[in-house]
Amino acid sequence: MDSEQAPEWIFERFVSTFRPDSRPEILALSGGEALLRPELVRMLAERARRVGTRTSVLSGLFFAGAARIPPSILKAIDAVDHFSVSLDVFHEREVPRTRVFDILEQVLARGKDVSLHLVGTDADDPYLERLIGDVRARFGTAVPMLVNALSYFGRARAWLPNDRAARGGKASAQDANPCAMAAWPVVGFDGCIAACGNDDALDERPGHLILGHAATDDWQTIRERTLQSNVLRAIRLYGPEVTARRVGNTPSSCDGYCGTCMALSKNHAAGPPLEALMQRPTTRVLEAEVQALLADGGADAFVRRHGIARYAVLVHLGEPA
């Protein structure tokens, strides 16, 4: 509750640069806890809507102890297009499942679309199976769920085994896959804008992943940098490990997929060899084909790749018949 926070004007200024003909389709507000600043959430959502950008907010429901949703938070929820709640065994120590469900019912009753972001240890976690069963029993098909497994990021590094190390450094098929995450600019708590949502990108701030700052850059500039950066194009096309190899760097076997990406700036991957590779006509053709394949896969393919495939179908709950 006492963490550092940047002035509202920084974020308002950046969203004010969205235009009807140049804007993100979705403005996703998370954190941390975005609803600790409900007035800012409301203002950003209303400003984004004026130019056609839809807004979602993700919350851990720190306010669930109250009998009713506090008025300022309720105004923020009313202003966004979609309200989503994080839920896992750790959240449930602070916010009981029944209170989460009560809040969702209150929001659904206001005609708002809602969803749940669920996290378990893996596809066979019995906690997930029980939780999903409880959601379905309470809400039927009204509440879609995005289900993920714990990853070796953030606070989980203190206790979760690194699966890369557990494999003895052996590369998996995932290592050579294009990275879809390097296509979603993320504004940090202080206004710094990174090319992906990995916590390390905003903590370590490697040069190739930093796009600018909300206090000084507009959406059009950030979009152009995202699309034109040779390093980001290569990461989206080859993935970071293959990108490193293509420019003559051999990734450490213990770095892993994202760790290799973080090190690309240190390894000078953004130099002439990569520029020459990405400017080849054949690379442009391959890039277009890969982007088309990823787009054609739609939400199902994205969720199966980045979430728990067994539960991917749950994202379709709540869709119109």
Foldseek 3Di string as FASTA:
>chain_A
DPDDFADLVLVVLQLLLAALVFHDQEDEAEAPARLVCLVSLLSSLQSNVVSNHAYEYEHLPLVLVDPDDDPSNVSSLVSGQEYEYEDEPVSCVRPPPVSVLVHVVVSVVVVHQYEYEYEEAAPPGVVVVVSVVVCCVSPPLAYFYQYAYDACADPCVVPPDHVLVVVVLDDDPVLFAADPQQCDWDQHRHFWIFSGDGPCCVVVVQPLGTQGGSNPDYSVSSNCSSVPQLLNLCSRQTAQQVLCVQQPHHDDSPCDRVNSVSCCSVVVSSDDSSVVVCPDPVNVVSSVVSVVVVVVVPQLVVSVVRRVNVRSVRNCRNPDD
